[in-house]
Protein backbone atom coordinates (compact mmCIF):
# COMPACT_ATOMS: atom_id res chain seq x y z
CA MET A 1 -0.15 -0.28 0.03
CA LYS A 2 2.77 2.59 0.80
CA LYS A 3 4.32 1.81 -2.22
CA LEU A 4 1.06 2.43 -4.31
CA PHE A 5 0.57 5.79 -2.35
CA ILE A 6 4.21 6.99 -2.61
CA PHE A 7 3.50 6.24 -6.78
CA PHE A 8 0.08 8.40 -6.80
CA ALA A 9 2.28 10.96 -4.94
CA ILE A 10 4.78 10.95 -7.28
CA LEU A 11 2.52 11.48 -10.34
CA ILE A 12 0.77 14.29 -9.66
CA PHE A 13 4.02 16.02 -7.50
CA GLY A 14 2.49 15.66 -3.92
CA ILE A 15 -0.77 15.46 -2.02
CA SER A 16 -1.19 18.99 -0.88
CA THR A 17 -0.86 22.51 -3.19
CA VAL A 18 2.36 24.20 -2.35
CA SER A 19 2.70 27.49 -3.93
CA ALA A 20 5.77 27.31 -6.57
CA GLN A 21 7.74 29.84 -9.07
CA VAL A 22 5.37 28.66 -11.73
CA LEU A 23 8.31 29.74 -14.58
CA GLU A 24 12.41 29.77 -14.66
CA ALA A 25 13.48 32.77 -15.48
CA GLY A 26 14.05 33.15 -19.37
CA VAL A 27 10.88 30.65 -19.84
CA SER A 28 7.26 32.46 -21.01
CA ILE A 29 3.87 30.93 -20.60
CA GLU A 30 3.41 31.97 -23.58
CA ASP A 31 6.10 29.22 -25.07
CA VAL A 32 3.91 26.27 -23.23
CA PRO A 33 2.04 25.15 -26.09
CA LYS A 34 -1.81 25.18 -26.11
CA SER A 35 -1.57 21.33 -26.58
CA LEU A 36 -0.09 20.74 -23.34
CA PHE A 37 -2.87 21.46 -21.67
CA GLY A 38 -6.51 19.12 -21.44
CA THR A 39 -6.86 15.56 -19.82
CA TRP A 40 -4.24 13.31 -20.52
CA ARG A 41 -4.26 9.36 -20.17
CA VAL A 42 -0.46 8.23 -18.71
CA SER A 43 0.87 5.25 -18.62
CA ALA A 44 3.98 5.06 -16.71
CA LYS A 45 6.86 1.65 -17.00
CA LEU A 46 9.90 1.92 -14.25
CA ASP A 47 13.03 2.17 -16.78
CA ASP A 48 15.57 2.19 -13.58
CA THR A 49 16.22 2.52 -10.02
CA ASN A 50 18.06 2.26 -7.03
CA SER A 51 14.81 1.32 -5.25
CA TYR A 52 12.39 -1.26 -6.41
CA ARG A 53 10.47 -1.53 -2.78
CA THR A 54 9.78 1.94 -3.13
CA PHE A 55 8.84 2.78 -6.47
CA LYS A 56 5.74 1.02 -8.28
CA PRO A 57 7.44 -1.41 -11.89
CA GLN A 58 4.12 0.39 -14.10
CA SER A 59 0.74 2.09 -13.87
CA ILE A 60 -1.76 4.09 -15.40
CA ASP A 61 -2.87 7.31 -14.39
CA PHE A 62 -4.95 10.34 -16.00
CA TRP A 63 -3.47 13.92 -15.55
CA ASN A 64 -5.06 17.11 -16.18
CA LEU A 65 -3.50 20.17 -16.93
CA THR A 66 -4.60 23.77 -16.87
CA ARG A 67 -3.61 27.08 -17.18
CA VAL A 68 -5.00 29.86 -15.15
CA ASN A 69 -2.82 33.43 -16.11
CA ASP A 70 0.55 32.73 -15.45
CA LYS A 71 0.29 29.30 -13.21
CA ILE A 72 -0.15 25.76 -14.22
CA THR A 73 -1.58 23.24 -12.52
CA LEU A 74 -1.69 19.18 -12.48
CA THR A 75 -4.89 17.69 -11.57
CA ASN A 76 -5.28 13.82 -10.57
CA PRO A 77 -8.96 13.46 -11.07
CA ASN A 78 -8.57 10.18 -9.38
CA SER A 79 -7.19 11.38 -6.28
CA GLY A 80 -8.62 14.93 -6.07
CA ALA A 81 -4.50 16.06 -5.54
CA THR A 82 -3.25 19.03 -7.15
CA ALA A 83 -0.54 20.91 -7.43
CA GLU A 84 1.07 23.92 -9.30
CA VAL A 85 4.42 22.86 -11.40
CA SER A 86 7.39 24.81 -12.55
CA VAL A 87 8.12 25.03 -16.39
CA LYS A 88 11.84 24.78 -16.93
CA THR A 89 12.71 24.71 -20.11
CA VAL A 90 9.50 24.97 -23.54
CA GLU A 91 11.51 24.34 -26.73
CA GLY A 92 8.79 23.97 -29.56
CA ASN A 93 6.83 21.02 -28.56
CA LEU A 94 9.72 19.90 -25.83
CA ILE A 95 8.57 20.69 -22.13
CA VAL A 96 10.57 20.29 -19.15
CA PHE A 97 8.39 20.71 -15.83
CA SER A 98 9.13 19.91 -12.36
CA LYS A 99 8.31 19.86 -8.45
CA LYS A 100 9.84 19.42 -5.35
CA THR A 101 7.60 18.41 -2.30
CA PRO A 102 8.12 17.89 1.02
CA TYR A 103 7.07 14.26 2.13
CA ASP A 104 6.26 12.62 5.24
CA ASN A 105 7.96 14.72 7.29
CA ASN A 106 11.40 14.11 6.92
CA LYS A 107 11.26 13.60 3.20
CA VAL A 108 12.09 15.73 -0.32
CA LEU A 109 10.28 14.31 -3.28
CA THR A 110 11.82 15.89 -6.31
CA ASP A 111 9.81 15.09 -9.85
CA THR A 112 10.87 16.09 -13.12
CA VAL A 113 9.09 15.76 -16.44
CA ASN A 114 10.85 15.87 -20.03
CA ILE A 115 8.17 15.06 -22.58
CA ARG A 116 7.65 15.90 -26.19
CA ILE A 117 4.35 16.43 -27.43
CA THR A 118 3.38 15.09 -30.86
CA GLY A 119 -0.47 15.91 -31.76
CA ASP A 120 -2.78 13.92 -29.04
CA LYS A 121 0.03 12.01 -27.84
CA PHE A 122 3.29 12.74 -25.41
CA SER A 123 6.63 10.60 -24.59
CA GLY A 124 9.17 11.24 -22.47
CA ILE A 125 10.97 10.40 -19.14
CA ASN A 126 9.90 11.13 -15.60
CA TYR A 127 12.63 11.61 -13.07
CA LEU A 128 12.25 11.03 -9.34
CA LYS A 129 14.30 11.42 -6.46
CA LEU A 130 13.22 10.95 -2.86
CA GLU A 131 15.51 12.41 -0.01
CA SER A 132 15.20 11.11 3.46
CA TYR A 133 16.50 13.31 6.37
CA SER A 134 17.51 12.61 10.02
CA PHE A 135 14.53 13.88 12.41
CA VAL A 136 17.85 14.61 14.82
CA ASP A 137 20.18 16.92 12.80
CA ASN A 138 18.40 16.87 9.14
CA HIS A 139 21.45 15.36 7.62
CA LEU A 140 20.69 13.74 4.26
CA MET A 141 20.67 9.61 5.17
CA LYS A 142 19.04 8.22 1.86
CA THR A 143 18.47 8.83 -1.90
CA GLU A 144 16.19 7.26 -3.70
CA THR A 145 15.88 7.54 -7.35
CA ALA A 146 13.91 6.08 -10.31
CA GLN A 147 13.72 6.98 -14.07
CA TYR A 148 10.14 6.14 -15.91
CA ILE A 149 9.17 5.78 -19.23
CA ILE A 150 6.10 7.65 -19.76
CA LYS A 151 3.33 7.70 -22.85
CA GLY A 152 0.62 9.99 -22.86
CA GLU A 153 -2.95 10.22 -24.59
CA LYS A 154 -4.97 13.14 -24.80
CA ILE A 155 -8.63 12.23 -23.71
CA ALA A 156 -9.99 15.81 -23.67
CA GLY A 157 -9.36 19.03 -25.23
CA GLU A 158 -7.54 22.19 -23.69
CA SER A 159 -8.22 24.42 -20.48
CA ILE A 160 -6.57 27.82 -20.85
CA LEU A 161 -8.08 30.66 -19.23
CA THR A 162 -6.96 34.12 -19.09
CA GLU A 163 -8.68 36.01 -15.98
CA PRO A 164 -10.49 33.58 -13.18
CA VAL A 165 -13.74 31.74 -13.28
CA SER A 166 -16.47 33.87 -11.42
CA PRO A 167 -19.00 31.61 -9.43
């Protein structure tokens, strides 16, 4: 059960919504292709890890990527979790985004996704790093890593808003 929870937390970039810098210096929100936004069926297959006990070998999940003004949000409709993502790179249809989130009191999860969008599909790699720190003196005790090969298929249009929706 713990492995399943960690994996779902990883796929949606953390259970809690944490404010993050949305765009890195030099990356404009306008550079992000509109084709990124919408609902995706995402399959992930573990390619490499130093901790087979922590990371699940494969999964299928759903991501809903939306934009409101200058913030990009990823929501997992299965778990109800939501997180802002930080866009690192946009080069045509290649997009790199990440999230760094506190996890389980003494851990930090860094999740970096590199995808290339082609029409209504994407493929790429999801890099994960789970760092465990000492409760006593906060020194790094363990680093667990995983690399997933991911593929996405768009199942619903795009969602781009320039102003917040009024109730």
